[in-house]
Full PDB file with SEQRES, HELIX, SHEET, SSBOND, CRYST1, ORIGX, SCALE, CONECT and MASTER records, all heavy atoms in Angstrom:
SEQRES   1 A   44  GLU ASN ASP ILE GLU ILE LEU LYS ARG GLN GLU GLU VAL          
SEQRES   2 A   44  LEU ARG PHE ASP ALA LEU SER GLU ASP ASP ALA TRP THR          
SEQRES   3 A   44  LEU GLY SER LEU MET ARG GLU ARG ALA ALA ALA LYS GLY          
SEQRES   4 A   44  LEU PRO LEU VAL ILE                                          
HELIX    1 AA1 ASN A    2  VAL A   13  1                                  12    
HELIX    2 AA2 GLU A   21  LYS A   38  1                                  18    
CRYST1    1.000    1.000    1.000  90.00  90.00  90.00 P 1           1          
ORIGX1      1.000000  0.000000  0.000000        0.00000                         
ORIGX2      0.000000  1.000000  0.000000        0.00000                         
ORIGX3      0.000000  0.000000  1.000000        0.00000                         
SCALE1      1.000000  0.000000  0.000000        0.00000                         
SCALE2      0.000000  1.000000  0.000000        0.00000                         
SCALE3      0.000000  0.000000  1.000000        0.00000                         
ATOM      1  N   GLU A   1      17.782 -12.178  24.048  1.00  0.00           N  
ATOM      2  CA  GLU A   1      16.843 -13.231  24.448  1.00  0.00           C  
ATOM      3  C   GLU A   1      15.444 -12.936  23.917  1.00  0.00           C  
ATOM      4  O   GLU A   1      14.733 -13.856  23.490  1.00  0.00           O  
ATOM      5  CB  GLU A   1      16.831 -13.365  25.974  1.00  0.00           C  
ATOM      6  CG  GLU A   1      18.114 -13.913  26.567  1.00  0.00           C  
ATOM      7  CD  GLU A   1      18.477 -15.289  26.006  1.00  0.00           C  
ATOM      8  OE1 GLU A   1      17.550 -16.093  25.758  1.00  0.00           O  
ATOM      9  OE2 GLU A   1      19.670 -15.545  25.795  1.00  0.00           O  
ATOM     10  N   ASN A   2      15.051 -11.673  23.922  1.00  0.00           N  
ATOM     11  CA  ASN A   2      13.745 -11.297  23.376  1.00  0.00           C  
ATOM     12  C   ASN A   2      13.692 -11.585  21.879  1.00  0.00           C  
ATOM     13  O   ASN A   2      12.696 -12.117  21.370  1.00  0.00           O  
ATOM     14  CB  ASN A   2      13.479  -9.816  23.634  1.00  0.00           C  
ATOM     15  CG  ASN A   2      12.108  -9.383  23.144  1.00  0.00           C  
ATOM     16  OD1 ASN A   2      11.089  -9.928  23.543  1.00  0.00           O  
ATOM     17  ND2 ASN A   2      12.076  -8.389  22.265  1.00  0.00           N  
ATOM     18  N   ASP A   3      14.770 -11.244  21.180  1.00  0.00           N  
ATOM     19  CA  ASP A   3      14.848 -11.545  19.746  1.00  0.00           C  
ATOM     20  C   ASP A   3      14.685 -13.040  19.498  1.00  0.00           C  
ATOM     21  O   ASP A   3      13.935 -13.454  18.610  1.00  0.00           O  
ATOM     22  CB  ASP A   3      16.202 -11.096  19.184  1.00  0.00           C  
ATOM     23  CG  ASP A   3      16.241  -9.614  18.844  1.00  0.00           C  
ATOM     24  OD1 ASP A   3      15.217  -8.931  19.024  1.00  0.00           O  
ATOM     25  OD2 ASP A   3      17.304  -9.150  18.395  1.00  0.00           O  
ATOM     26  N   ILE A   4      15.404 -13.848  20.262  1.00  0.00           N  
ATOM     27  CA  ILE A   4      15.383 -15.296  20.056  1.00  0.00           C  
ATOM     28  C   ILE A   4      13.973 -15.852  20.241  1.00  0.00           C  
ATOM     29  O   ILE A   4      13.519 -16.711  19.473  1.00  0.00           O  
ATOM     30  CB  ILE A   4      16.387 -15.988  20.997  1.00  0.00           C  
ATOM     31  CG1 ILE A   4      17.830 -15.635  20.580  1.00  0.00           C  
ATOM     32  CG2 ILE A   4      16.186 -17.507  20.988  1.00  0.00           C  
ATOM     33  CD1 ILE A   4      18.885 -16.096  21.559  1.00  0.00           C  
ATOM     34  N   GLU A   5      13.255 -15.367  21.241  1.00  0.00           N  
ATOM     35  CA  GLU A   5      11.887 -15.840  21.466  1.00  0.00           C  
ATOM     36  C   GLU A   5      10.978 -15.470  20.301  1.00  0.00           C  
ATOM     37  O   GLU A   5      10.130 -16.268  19.872  1.00  0.00           O  
ATOM     38  CB  GLU A   5      11.340 -15.271  22.776  1.00  0.00           C  
ATOM     39  CG  GLU A   5      11.991 -15.854  24.018  1.00  0.00           C  
ATOM     40  CD  GLU A   5      11.925 -17.382  24.048  1.00  0.00           C  
ATOM     41  OE1 GLU A   5      10.816 -17.923  23.837  1.00  0.00           O  
ATOM     42  OE2 GLU A   5      12.969 -18.020  24.256  1.00  0.00           O  
ATOM     43  N   ILE A   6      11.147 -14.259  19.757  1.00  0.00           N  
ATOM     44  CA  ILE A   6      10.345 -13.844  18.606  1.00  0.00           C  
ATOM     45  C   ILE A   6      10.704 -14.675  17.383  1.00  0.00           C  
ATOM     46  O   ILE A   6       9.832 -15.105  16.614  1.00  0.00           O  
ATOM     47  CB  ILE A   6      10.546 -12.343  18.315  1.00  0.00           C  
ATOM     48  CG1 ILE A   6      10.004 -11.504  19.482  1.00  0.00           C  
ATOM     49  CG2 ILE A   6       9.852 -11.941  17.014  1.00  0.00           C  
ATOM     50  CD1 ILE A   6      10.292 -10.022  19.362  1.00  0.00           C  
ATOM     51  N   LEU A   7      12.002 -14.931  17.188  1.00  0.00           N  
ATOM     52  CA  LEU A   7      12.445 -15.734  16.051  1.00  0.00           C  
ATOM     53  C   LEU A   7      11.893 -17.154  16.121  1.00  0.00           C  
ATOM     54  O   LEU A   7      11.486 -17.730  15.099  1.00  0.00           O  
ATOM     55  CB  LEU A   7      13.974 -15.757  15.998  1.00  0.00           C  
ATOM     56  CG  LEU A   7      14.634 -14.400  15.697  1.00  0.00           C  
ATOM     57  CD1 LEU A   7      16.136 -14.466  15.967  1.00  0.00           C  
ATOM     58  CD2 LEU A   7      14.359 -13.970  14.267  1.00  0.00           C  
ATOM     59  N   LYS A   8      11.854 -17.717  17.320  1.00  0.00           N  
ATOM     60  CA  LYS A   8      11.254 -19.046  17.478  1.00  0.00           C  
ATOM     61  C   LYS A   8       9.780 -19.014  17.103  1.00  0.00           C  
ATOM     62  O   LYS A   8       9.273 -19.934  16.434  1.00  0.00           O  
ATOM     63  CB  LYS A   8      11.408 -19.522  18.924  1.00  0.00           C  
ATOM     64  CG  LYS A   8      12.825 -19.894  19.321  1.00  0.00           C  
ATOM     65  CD  LYS A   8      12.870 -20.327  20.785  1.00  0.00           C  
ATOM     66  CE  LYS A   8      14.275 -20.718  21.213  1.00  0.00           C  
ATOM     67  NZ  LYS A   8      14.329 -21.106  22.652  1.00  0.00           N  
ATOM     68  N   ARG A   9       9.090 -17.971  17.523  1.00  0.00           N  
ATOM     69  CA  ARG A   9       7.671 -17.840  17.217  1.00  0.00           C  
ATOM     70  C   ARG A   9       7.452 -17.719  15.709  1.00  0.00           C  
ATOM     71  O   ARG A   9       6.525 -18.322  15.145  1.00  0.00           O  
ATOM     72  CB  ARG A   9       7.097 -16.609  17.938  1.00  0.00           C  
ATOM     73  CG  ARG A   9       5.629 -16.326  17.671  1.00  0.00           C  
ATOM     74  CD  ARG A   9       4.743 -17.440  18.147  1.00  0.00           C  
ATOM     75  NE  ARG A   9       3.332 -17.138  17.945  1.00  0.00           N  
ATOM     76  CZ  ARG A   9       2.385 -18.050  17.918  1.00  0.00           C  
ATOM     77  NH1 ARG A   9       2.674 -19.330  18.079  1.00  0.00           N  
ATOM     78  NH2 ARG A   9       1.127 -17.697  17.726  1.00  0.00           N  
ATOM     79  N   GLN A  10       8.306 -16.950  15.035  1.00  0.00           N  
ATOM     80  CA  GLN A  10       8.204 -16.835  13.579  1.00  0.00           C  
ATOM     81  C   GLN A  10       8.305 -18.206  12.915  1.00  0.00           C  
ATOM     82  O   GLN A  10       7.535 -18.526  12.003  1.00  0.00           O  
ATOM     83  CB  GLN A  10       9.316 -15.919  13.056  1.00  0.00           C  
ATOM     84  CG  GLN A  10       9.166 -14.460  13.442  1.00  0.00           C  
ATOM     85  CD  GLN A  10      10.359 -13.626  13.028  1.00  0.00           C  
ATOM     86  OE1 GLN A  10      11.386 -14.157  12.585  1.00  0.00           O  
ATOM     87  NE2 GLN A  10      10.249 -12.322  13.158  1.00  0.00           N  
ATOM     88  N   GLU A  11       9.265 -19.003  13.373  1.00  0.00           N  
ATOM     89  CA  GLU A  11       9.473 -20.327  12.777  1.00  0.00           C  
ATOM     90  C   GLU A  11       8.314 -21.280  13.055  1.00  0.00           C  
ATOM     91  O   GLU A  11       8.031 -22.170  12.250  1.00  0.00           O  
ATOM     92  CB  GLU A  11      10.791 -20.911  13.285  1.00  0.00           C  
ATOM     93  CG  GLU A  11      12.018 -20.141  12.793  1.00  0.00           C  
ATOM     94  CD  GLU A  11      13.279 -20.500  13.556  1.00  0.00           C  
ATOM     95  OE1 GLU A  11      13.300 -21.565  14.215  1.00  0.00           O  
ATOM     96  OE2 GLU A  11      14.251 -19.728  13.504  1.00  0.00           O  
ATOM     97  N   GLU A  12       7.642 -21.095  14.182  1.00  0.00           N  
ATOM     98  CA  GLU A  12       6.483 -21.920  14.500  1.00  0.00           C  
ATOM     99  C   GLU A  12       5.268 -21.569  13.647  1.00  0.00           C  
ATOM    100  O   GLU A  12       4.487 -22.447  13.260  1.00  0.00           O  
ATOM    101  CB  GLU A  12       6.126 -21.762  15.980  1.00  0.00           C  
ATOM    102  CG  GLU A  12       7.157 -22.343  16.944  1.00  0.00           C  
ATOM    103  CD  GLU A  12       6.863 -21.957  18.386  1.00  0.00           C  
ATOM    104  OE1 GLU A  12       5.883 -21.193  18.608  1.00  0.00           O  
ATOM    105  OE2 GLU A  12       7.600 -22.393  19.282  1.00  0.00           O  
ATOM    106  N   VAL A  13       5.119 -20.281  13.347  1.00  0.00           N  
ATOM    107  CA  VAL A  13       3.921 -19.805  12.649  1.00  0.00           C  
ATOM    108  C   VAL A  13       4.064 -19.876  11.129  1.00  0.00           C  
ATOM    109  O   VAL A  13       3.122 -20.268  10.425  1.00  0.00           O  
ATOM    110  CB  VAL A  13       3.590 -18.358  13.087  1.00  0.00           C  
ATOM    111  CG1 VAL A  13       2.449 -17.790  12.246  1.00  0.00           C  
ATOM    112  CG2 VAL A  13       3.243 -18.318  14.568  1.00  0.00           C  
ATOM    113  N   LEU A  14       5.230 -19.508  10.616  1.00  0.00           N  
ATOM    114  CA  LEU A  14       5.409 -19.383   9.166  1.00  0.00           C  
ATOM    115  C   LEU A  14       5.782 -20.723   8.548  1.00  0.00           C  
ATOM    116  O   LEU A  14       6.926 -20.965   8.143  1.00  0.00           O  
ATOM    117  CB  LEU A  14       6.455 -18.308   8.869  1.00  0.00           C  
ATOM    118  CG  LEU A  14       6.092 -16.906   9.364  1.00  0.00           C  
ATOM    119  CD1 LEU A  14       7.221 -15.932   9.100  1.00  0.00           C  
ATOM    120  CD2 LEU A  14       4.784 -16.428   8.733  1.00  0.00           C  
ATOM    121  N   ARG A  15       4.768 -21.590   8.472  1.00  0.00           N  
ATOM    122  CA  ARG A  15       4.935 -22.922   7.904  1.00  0.00           C  
ATOM    123  C   ARG A  15       3.942 -23.119   6.761  1.00  0.00           C  
ATOM    124  O   ARG A  15       2.911 -22.450   6.697  1.00  0.00           O  
ATOM    125  CB  ARG A  15       4.759 -23.997   8.980  1.00  0.00           C  
ATOM    126  CG  ARG A  15       5.818 -23.885  10.071  1.00  0.00           C  
ATOM    127  CD  ARG A  15       5.707 -24.968  11.117  1.00  0.00           C  
ATOM    128  NE  ARG A  15       6.779 -24.863  12.118  1.00  0.00           N  
ATOM    129  CZ  ARG A  15       6.972 -25.712  13.106  1.00  0.00           C  
ATOM    130  NH1 ARG A  15       6.146 -26.750  13.244  1.00  0.00           N  
ATOM    131  NH2 ARG A  15       7.970 -25.540  13.958  1.00  0.00           N  
ATOM    132  N   PHE A  16       4.265 -24.051   5.884  1.00  0.00           N  
ATOM    133  CA  PHE A  16       3.491 -24.272   4.669  1.00  0.00           C  
ATOM    134  C   PHE A  16       2.730 -25.596   4.747  1.00  0.00           C  
ATOM    135  O   PHE A  16       3.199 -26.561   5.352  1.00  0.00           O  
ATOM    136  CB  PHE A  16       4.417 -24.328   3.448  1.00  0.00           C  
ATOM    137  CG  PHE A  16       5.194 -23.073   3.183  1.00  0.00           C  
ATOM    138  CD1 PHE A  16       6.307 -22.743   3.951  1.00  0.00           C  
ATOM    139  CD2 PHE A  16       4.818 -22.224   2.157  1.00  0.00           C  
ATOM    140  CE1 PHE A  16       7.031 -21.598   3.689  1.00  0.00           C  
ATOM    141  CE2 PHE A  16       5.535 -21.068   1.887  1.00  0.00           C  
ATOM    142  CZ  PHE A  16       6.651 -20.748   2.663  1.00  0.00           C  
ATOM    143  N   ASP A  17       1.571 -25.632   4.090  1.00  0.00           N  
ATOM    144  CA  ASP A  17       0.875 -26.902   3.904  1.00  0.00           C  
ATOM    145  C   ASP A  17       1.510 -27.682   2.754  1.00  0.00           C  
ATOM    146  O   ASP A  17       1.548 -28.916   2.765  1.00  0.00           O  
ATOM    147  CB  ASP A  17      -0.612 -26.666   3.618  1.00  0.00           C  
ATOM    148  CG  ASP A  17      -1.339 -26.108   4.831  1.00  0.00           C  
ATOM    149  OD1 ASP A  17      -0.993 -26.498   5.958  1.00  0.00           O  
ATOM    150  OD2 ASP A  17      -2.236 -25.270   4.643  1.00  0.00           O  
ATOM    151  N   ALA A  18       2.021 -26.935   1.785  1.00  0.00           N  
ATOM    152  CA  ALA A  18       2.716 -27.529   0.639  1.00  0.00           C  
ATOM    153  C   ALA A  18       3.434 -26.401  -0.088  1.00  0.00           C  
ATOM    154  O   ALA A  18       3.115 -25.224   0.095  1.00  0.00           O  
ATOM    155  CB  ALA A  18       1.738 -28.224  -0.300  1.00  0.00           C  
ATOM    156  N   LEU A  19       4.421 -26.762  -0.918  1.00  0.00           N  
ATOM    157  CA  LEU A  19       5.107 -25.744  -1.720  1.00  0.00           C  
ATOM    158  C   LEU A  19       5.585 -26.398  -3.018  1.00  0.00           C  
ATOM    159  O   LEU A  19       6.608 -27.081  -3.048  1.00  0.00           O  
ATOM    160  CB  LEU A  19       6.288 -25.138  -0.969  1.00  0.00           C  
ATOM    161  CG  LEU A  19       6.907 -23.914  -1.659  1.00  0.00           C  
ATOM    162  CD1 LEU A  19       5.994 -22.696  -1.497  1.00  0.00           C  
ATOM    163  CD2 LEU A  19       8.290 -23.604  -1.127  1.00  0.00           C  
ATOM    164  N   SER A  20       4.810 -26.189  -4.071  1.00  0.00           N  
ATOM    165  CA  SER A  20       5.156 -26.744  -5.375  1.00  0.00           C  
ATOM    166  C   SER A  20       6.095 -25.791  -6.112  1.00  0.00           C  
ATOM    167  O   SER A  20       6.391 -24.686  -5.645  1.00  0.00           O  
ATOM    168  CB  SER A  20       3.883 -26.937  -6.198  1.00  0.00           C  
ATOM    169  OG  SER A  20       3.316 -25.665  -6.515  1.00  0.00           O  
ATOM    170  N   GLU A  21       6.522 -26.214  -7.300  1.00  0.00           N  
ATOM    171  CA  GLU A  21       7.347 -25.345  -8.139  1.00  0.00           C  
ATOM    172  C   GLU A  21       6.597 -24.054  -8.476  1.00  0.00           C  
ATOM    173  O   GLU A  21       7.194 -22.958  -8.457  1.00  0.00           O  
ATOM    174  CB  GLU A  21       7.741 -26.078  -9.421  1.00  0.00           C  
ATOM    175  CG  GLU A  21       8.736 -27.210  -9.224  1.00  0.00           C  
ATOM    176  CD  GLU A  21       8.104 -28.526  -8.847  1.00  0.00           C  
ATOM    177  OE1 GLU A  21       6.879 -28.545  -8.541  1.00  0.00           O  
ATOM    178  OE2 GLU A  21       8.810 -29.548  -8.855  1.00  0.00           O  
ATOM    179  N   ASP A  22       5.330 -24.171  -8.775  1.00  0.00           N  
ATOM    180  CA  ASP A  22       4.531 -22.977  -9.087  1.00  0.00           C  
ATOM    181  C   ASP A  22       4.404 -22.080  -7.862  1.00  0.00           C  
ATOM    182  O   ASP A  22       4.443 -20.843  -7.979  1.00  0.00           O  
ATOM    183  CB  ASP A  22       3.145 -23.377  -9.584  1.00  0.00           C  
ATOM    184  CG  ASP A  22       3.186 -23.982 -10.983  1.00  0.00           C  
ATOM    185  OD1 ASP A  22       4.189 -23.781 -11.694  1.00  0.00           O  
ATOM    186  OD2 ASP A  22       2.213 -24.673 -11.347  1.00  0.00           O  
ATOM    187  N   ASP A  23       4.227 -22.690  -6.688  1.00  0.00           N  
ATOM    188  CA  ASP A  23       4.132 -21.909  -5.458  1.00  0.00           C  
ATOM    189  C   ASP A  23       5.420 -21.126  -5.203  1.00  0.00           C  
ATOM    190  O   ASP A  23       5.389 -19.957  -4.792  1.00  0.00           O  
ATOM    191  CB  ASP A  23       3.850 -22.823  -4.260  1.00  0.00           C  
ATOM    192  CG  ASP A  23       2.486 -23.494  -4.339  1.00  0.00           C  
ATOM    193  OD1 ASP A  23       1.579 -22.928  -4.968  1.00  0.00           O  
ATOM    194  OD2 ASP A  23       2.347 -24.590  -3.767  1.00  0.00           O  
ATOM    195  N   ALA A  24       6.549 -21.786  -5.423  1.00  0.00           N  
ATOM    196  CA  ALA A  24       7.837 -21.130  -5.213  1.00  0.00           C  
ATOM    197  C   ALA A  24       7.994 -19.941  -6.158  1.00  0.00           C  
ATOM    198  O   ALA A  24       8.512 -18.886  -5.770  1.00  0.00           O  
ATOM    199  CB  ALA A  24       8.982 -22.122  -5.419  1.00  0.00           C  
ATOM    200  N   TRP A  25       7.546 -20.113  -7.389  1.00  0.00           N  
ATOM    201  CA  TRP A  25       7.622 -19.003  -8.352  1.00  0.00           C  
ATOM    202  C   TRP A  25       6.713 -17.848  -7.921  1.00  0.00           C  
ATOM    203  O   TRP A  25       7.103 -16.675  -8.019  1.00  0.00           O  
ATOM    204  CB  TRP A  25       7.220 -19.489  -9.746  1.00  0.00           C  
ATOM    205  CG  TRP A  25       7.362 -18.419 -10.787  1.00  0.00           C  
ATOM    206  CD1 TRP A  25       6.407 -17.589 -11.267  1.00  0.00           C  
ATOM    207  CD2 TRP A  25       8.584 -18.056 -11.448  1.00  0.00           C  
ATOM    208  NE1 TRP A  25       6.923 -16.724 -12.188  1.00  0.00           N  
ATOM    209  CE2 TRP A  25       8.259 -16.986 -12.324  1.00  0.00           C  
ATOM    210  CE3 TRP A  25       9.885 -18.530 -11.397  1.00  0.00           C  
ATOM    211  CZ2 TRP A  25       9.226 -16.384 -13.137  1.00  0.00           C  
ATOM    212  CZ3 TRP A  25      10.844 -17.939 -12.212  1.00  0.00           C  
ATOM    213  CH2 TRP A  25      10.504 -16.874 -13.069  1.00  0.00           C  
ATOM    214  N   THR A  26       5.531 -18.183  -7.431  1.00  0.00           N  
ATOM    215  CA  THR A  26       4.609 -17.140  -6.962  1.00  0.00           C  
ATOM    216  C   THR A  26       5.203 -16.374  -5.781  1.00  0.00           C  
ATOM    217  O   THR A  26       5.168 -15.132  -5.748  1.00  0.00           O  
ATOM    218  CB  THR A  26       3.266 -17.773  -6.551  1.00  0.00           C  
ATOM    219  OG1 THR A  26       2.687 -18.437  -7.681  1.00  0.00           O  
ATOM    220  CG2 THR A  26       2.304 -16.706  -6.046  1.00  0.00           C  
ATOM    221  N   LEU A  27       5.745 -17.095  -4.818  1.00  0.00           N  
ATOM    222  CA  LEU A  27       6.367 -16.453  -3.659  1.00  0.00           C  
ATOM    223  C   LEU A  27       7.569 -15.615  -4.084  1.00  0.00           C  
ATOM    224  O   LEU A  27       7.718 -14.463  -3.660  1.00  0.00           O  
ATOM    225  CB  LEU A  27       6.794 -17.510  -2.644  1.00  0.00           C  
ATOM    226  CG  LEU A  27       7.631 -17.014  -1.457  1.00  0.00           C  
ATOM    227  CD1 LEU A  27       6.881 -15.954  -0.657  1.00  0.00           C  
ATOM    228  CD2 LEU A  27       8.042 -18.180  -0.577  1.00  0.00           C  
ATOM    229  N   GLY A  28       8.424 -16.174  -4.922  1.00  0.00           N  
ATOM    230  CA  GLY A  28       9.594 -15.434  -5.367  1.00  0.00           C  
ATOM    231  C   GLY A  28       9.232 -14.178  -6.136  1.00  0.00           C  
ATOM    232  O   GLY A  28       9.865 -13.121  -5.964  1.00  0.00           O  
ATOM    233  N   SER A  29       8.213 -14.272  -6.970  1.00  0.00           N  
ATOM    234  CA  SER A  29       7.775 -13.108  -7.738  1.00  0.00           C  
ATOM    235  C   SER A  29       7.239 -12.018  -6.817  1.00  0.00           C  
ATOM    236  O   SER A  29       7.495 -10.819  -7.032  1.00  0.00           O  
ATOM    237  CB  SER A  29       6.702 -13.526  -8.751  1.00  0.00           C  
ATOM    238  OG  SER A  29       7.213 -14.477  -9.670  1.00  0.00           O  
ATOM    239  N   LEU A  30       6.486 -12.429  -5.805  1.00  0.00           N  
ATOM    240  CA  LEU A  30       5.997 -11.464  -4.813  1.00  0.00           C  
ATOM    241  C   LEU A  30       7.169 -10.756  -4.139  1.00  0.00           C  
ATOM    242  O   LEU A  30       7.158  -9.524  -3.975  1.00  0.00           O  
ATOM    243  CB  LEU A  30       5.131 -12.185  -3.778  1.00  0.00           C  
ATOM    244  CG  LEU A  30       4.514 -11.373  -2.641  1.00  0.00           C  
ATOM    245  CD1 LEU A  30       3.249 -12.077  -2.132  1.00  0.00           C  
ATOM    246  CD2 LEU A  30       5.459 -11.171  -1.464  1.00  0.00           C  
ATOM    247  N   MET A  31       8.175 -11.535  -3.756  1.00  0.00           N  
ATOM    248  CA  MET A  31       9.338 -10.959  -3.076  1.00  0.00           C  
ATOM    249  C   MET A  31      10.081  -9.994  -3.995  1.00  0.00           C  
ATOM    250  O   MET A  31      10.533  -8.931  -3.561  1.00  0.00           O  
ATOM    251  CB  MET A  31      10.267 -12.070  -2.595  1.00  0.00           C  
ATOM    252  CG  MET A  31       9.643 -12.963  -1.529  1.00  0.00           C  
ATOM    253  SD  MET A  31      10.717 -14.330  -1.007  1.00  0.00           S  
ATOM    254  CE  MET A  31      11.972 -13.430  -0.087  1.00  0.00           C  
ATOM    255  N   ARG A  32      10.200 -10.363  -5.267  1.00  0.00           N  
ATOM    256  CA  ARG A  32      10.889  -9.466  -6.194  1.00  0.00           C  
ATOM    257  C   ARG A  32      10.127  -8.167  -6.385  1.00  0.00           C  
ATOM    258  O   ARG A  32      10.731  -7.081  -6.431  1.00  0.00           O  
ATOM    259  CB  ARG A  32      11.086 -10.154  -7.555  1.00  0.00           C  
ATOM    260  CG  ARG A  32      12.061  -9.391  -8.440  1.00  0.00           C  
ATOM    261  CD  ARG A  32      12.154  -9.936  -9.841  1.00  0.00           C  
ATOM    262  NE  ARG A  32      13.313  -9.376 -10.525  1.00  0.00           N  
ATOM    263  CZ  ARG A  32      13.395  -8.124 -10.981  1.00  0.00           C  
ATOM    264  NH1 ARG A  32      12.366  -7.301 -10.823  1.00  0.00           N  
ATOM    265  NH2 ARG A  32      14.495  -7.696 -11.589  1.00  0.00           N  
ATOM    266  N   GLU A  33       8.823  -8.256  -6.494  1.00  0.00           N  
ATOM    267  CA  GLU A  33       8.008  -7.049  -6.648  1.00  0.00           C  
ATOM    268  C   GLU A  33       8.173  -6.129  -5.446  1.00  0.00           C  
ATOM    269  O   GLU A  33       8.314  -4.909  -5.598  1.00  0.00           O  
ATOM    270  CB  GLU A  33       6.543  -7.428  -6.823  1.00  0.00           C  
ATOM    271  CG  GLU A  33       6.213  -8.073  -8.165  1.00  0.00           C  
ATOM    272  CD  GLU A  33       4.755  -8.505  -8.242  1.00  0.00           C  
ATOM    273  OE1 GLU A  33       3.999  -8.193  -7.279  1.00  0.00           O  
ATOM    274  OE2 GLU A  33       4.380  -9.160  -9.236  1.00  0.00           O  
ATOM    275  N   ARG A  34       8.138  -6.700  -4.231  1.00  0.00           N  
ATOM    276  CA  ARG A  34       8.275  -5.879  -3.017  1.00  0.00           C  
ATOM    277  C   ARG A  34       9.662  -5.251  -2.943  1.00  0.00           C  
ATOM    278  O   ARG A  34       9.812  -4.091  -2.553  1.00  0.00           O  
ATOM    279  CB  ARG A  34       8.015  -6.731  -1.771  1.00  0.00           C  
ATOM    280  CG  ARG A  34       6.629  -7.351  -1.687  1.00  0.00           C  
ATOM    281  CD  ARG A  34       5.528  -6.309  -1.624  1.00  0.00           C  
ATOM    282  NE  ARG A  34       4.209  -6.935  -1.673  1.00  0.00           N  
ATOM    283  CZ  ARG A  34       3.522  -7.109  -2.820  1.00  0.00           C  
ATOM    284  NH1 ARG A  34       4.029  -6.695  -3.973  1.00  0.00           N  
ATOM    285  NH2 ARG A  34       2.331  -7.688  -2.793  1.00  0.00           N  
ATOM    286  N   ALA A  35      10.685  -6.020  -3.294  1.00  0.00           N  
ATOM    287  CA  ALA A  35      12.050  -5.490  -3.252  1.00  0.00           C  
ATOM    288  C   ALA A  35      12.230  -4.376  -4.286  1.00  0.00           C  
ATOM    289  O   ALA A  35      12.837  -3.334  -3.989  1.00  0.00           O  
ATOM    290  CB  ALA A  35      13.051  -6.610  -3.495  1.00  0.00           C  
ATOM    291  N   ALA A  36      11.718  -4.583  -5.482  1.00  0.00           N  
ATOM    292  CA  ALA A  36      11.852  -3.576  -6.534  1.00  0.00           C  
ATOM    293  C   ALA A  36      11.113  -2.295  -6.161  1.00  0.00           C  
ATOM    294  O   ALA A  36      11.606  -1.185  -6.395  1.00  0.00           O  
ATOM    295  CB  ALA A  36      11.327  -4.136  -7.854  1.00  0.00           C  
ATOM    296  N   ALA A  37       9.928  -2.440  -5.569  1.00  0.00           N  
ATOM    297  CA  ALA A  37       9.149  -1.272  -5.166  1.00  0.00           C  
ATOM    298  C   ALA A  37       9.872  -0.445  -4.119  1.00  0.00           C  
ATOM    299  O   ALA A  37       9.739   0.793  -4.068  1.00  0.00           O  
ATOM    300  CB  ALA A  37       7.787  -1.714  -4.642  1.00  0.00           C  
ATOM    301  N   LYS A  38      10.648  -1.108  -3.258  1.00  0.00           N  
ATOM    302  CA  LYS A  38      11.392  -0.419  -2.203  1.00  0.00           C  
ATOM    303  C   LYS A  38      12.809  -0.042  -2.626  1.00  0.00           C  
ATOM    304  O   LYS A  38      13.548   0.567  -1.864  1.00  0.00           O  
ATOM    305  CB  LYS A  38      11.453  -1.300  -0.958  1.00  0.00           C  
ATOM    306  CG  LYS A  38      10.103  -1.580  -0.325  1.00  0.00           C  
ATOM    307  CD  LYS A  38      10.243  -2.491   0.890  1.00  0.00           C  
ATOM    308  CE  LYS A  38       8.890  -2.768   1.532  1.00  0.00           C  
ATOM    309  NZ  LYS A  38       9.026  -3.653   2.723  1.00  0.00           N  
ATOM    310  N   GLY A  39      13.194  -0.424  -3.843  1.00  0.00           N  
ATOM    311  CA  GLY A  39      14.530  -0.127  -4.317  1.00  0.00           C  
ATOM    312  C   GLY A  39      15.617  -0.874  -3.571  1.00  0.00           C  
ATOM    313  O   GLY A  39      16.728  -0.359  -3.396  1.00  0.00           O  
ATOM    314  N   LEU A  40      15.320  -2.100  -3.161  1.00  0.00           N  
ATOM    315  CA  LEU A  40      16.280  -2.878  -2.372  1.00  0.00           C  
ATOM    316  C   LEU A  40      17.195  -3.684  -3.295  1.00  0.00           C  
ATOM    317  O   LEU A  40      16.720  -4.410  -4.164  1.00  0.00           O  
ATOM    318  CB  LEU A  40      15.544  -3.830  -1.424  1.00  0.00           C  
ATOM    319  CG  LEU A  40      14.609  -3.182  -0.404  1.00  0.00           C  
ATOM    320  CD1 LEU A  40      13.927  -4.251   0.435  1.00  0.00           C  
ATOM    321  CD2 LEU A  40      15.361  -2.205   0.483  1.00  0.00           C  
ATOM    322  N   PRO A  41      18.505  -3.608  -3.087  1.00  0.00           N  
ATOM    323  CA  PRO A  41      19.451  -4.369  -3.907  1.00  0.00           C  
ATOM    324  C   PRO A  41      19.597  -5.798  -3.390  1.00  0.00           C  
ATOM    325  O   PRO A  41      20.563  -6.133  -2.702  1.00  0.00           O  
ATOM    326  CB  PRO A  41      20.754  -3.577  -3.740  1.00  0.00           C  
ATOM    327  CG  PRO A  41      20.658  -3.018  -2.351  1.00  0.00           C  
ATOM    328  CD  PRO A  41      19.193  -2.730  -2.120  1.00  0.00           C  
ATOM    329  N   LEU A  42      18.660  -6.654  -3.737  1.00  0.00           N  
ATOM    330  CA  LEU A  42      18.618  -7.993  -3.164  1.00  0.00           C  
ATOM    331  C   LEU A  42      18.815  -9.093  -4.204  1.00  0.00           C  
ATOM    332  O   LEU A  42      18.358  -8.981  -5.341  1.00  0.00           O  
ATOM    333  CB  LEU A  42      17.272  -8.234  -2.467  1.00  0.00           C  
ATOM    334  CG  LEU A  42      16.991  -7.458  -1.183  1.00  0.00           C  
ATOM    335  CD1 LEU A  42      15.588  -7.786  -0.687  1.00  0.00           C  
ATOM    336  CD2 LEU A  42      18.025  -7.775  -0.122  1.00  0.00           C  
ATOM    337  N   VAL A  43      19.479 -10.135  -3.786  1.00  0.00           N  
ATOM    338  CA  VAL A  43      19.423 -11.427  -4.446  1.00  0.00           C  
ATOM    339  C   VAL A  43      18.379 -12.246  -3.698  1.00  0.00           C  
ATOM    340  O   VAL A  43      18.362 -12.254  -2.461  1.00  0.00           O  
ATOM    341  CB  VAL A  43      20.792 -12.133  -4.408  1.00  0.00           C  
ATOM    342  CG1 VAL A  43      20.637 -13.629  -4.607  1.00  0.00           C  
ATOM    343  CG2 VAL A  43      21.717 -11.561  -5.470  1.00  0.00           C  
ATOM    344  N   ILE A  44      17.484 -12.906  -4.419  1.00  0.00           N  
ATOM    345  CA  ILE A  44      16.415 -13.705  -3.807  1.00  0.00           C  
ATOM    346  C   ILE A  44      16.523 -15.132  -4.336  1.00  0.00           C  
ATOM    347  O   ILE A  44      16.604 -15.348  -5.546  1.00  0.00           O  
ATOM    348  CB  ILE A  44      15.025 -13.117  -4.138  1.00  0.00           C  
ATOM    349  CG1 ILE A  44      14.935 -11.661  -3.649  1.00  0.00           C  
ATOM    350  CG2 ILE A  44      13.922 -13.966  -3.509  1.00  0.00           C  
ATOM    351  CD1 ILE A  44      13.692 -10.929  -4.149  1.00  0.00           C  
TER     352      ILE A  44                                                      
MASTER        0    0    0    2    0    0    0    6  351    1    0    4          
END                                                                             
């Protein structure tokens, strides 16, 4: 139940004003850099 309340809060806060194709590329590139730095085997 504690997890669910936190997850709801995440969904309320982590919202966008807009997300263009360029924005998606910027976000994805950031995620790839963080994953590579941590050595995480991720598909993004």
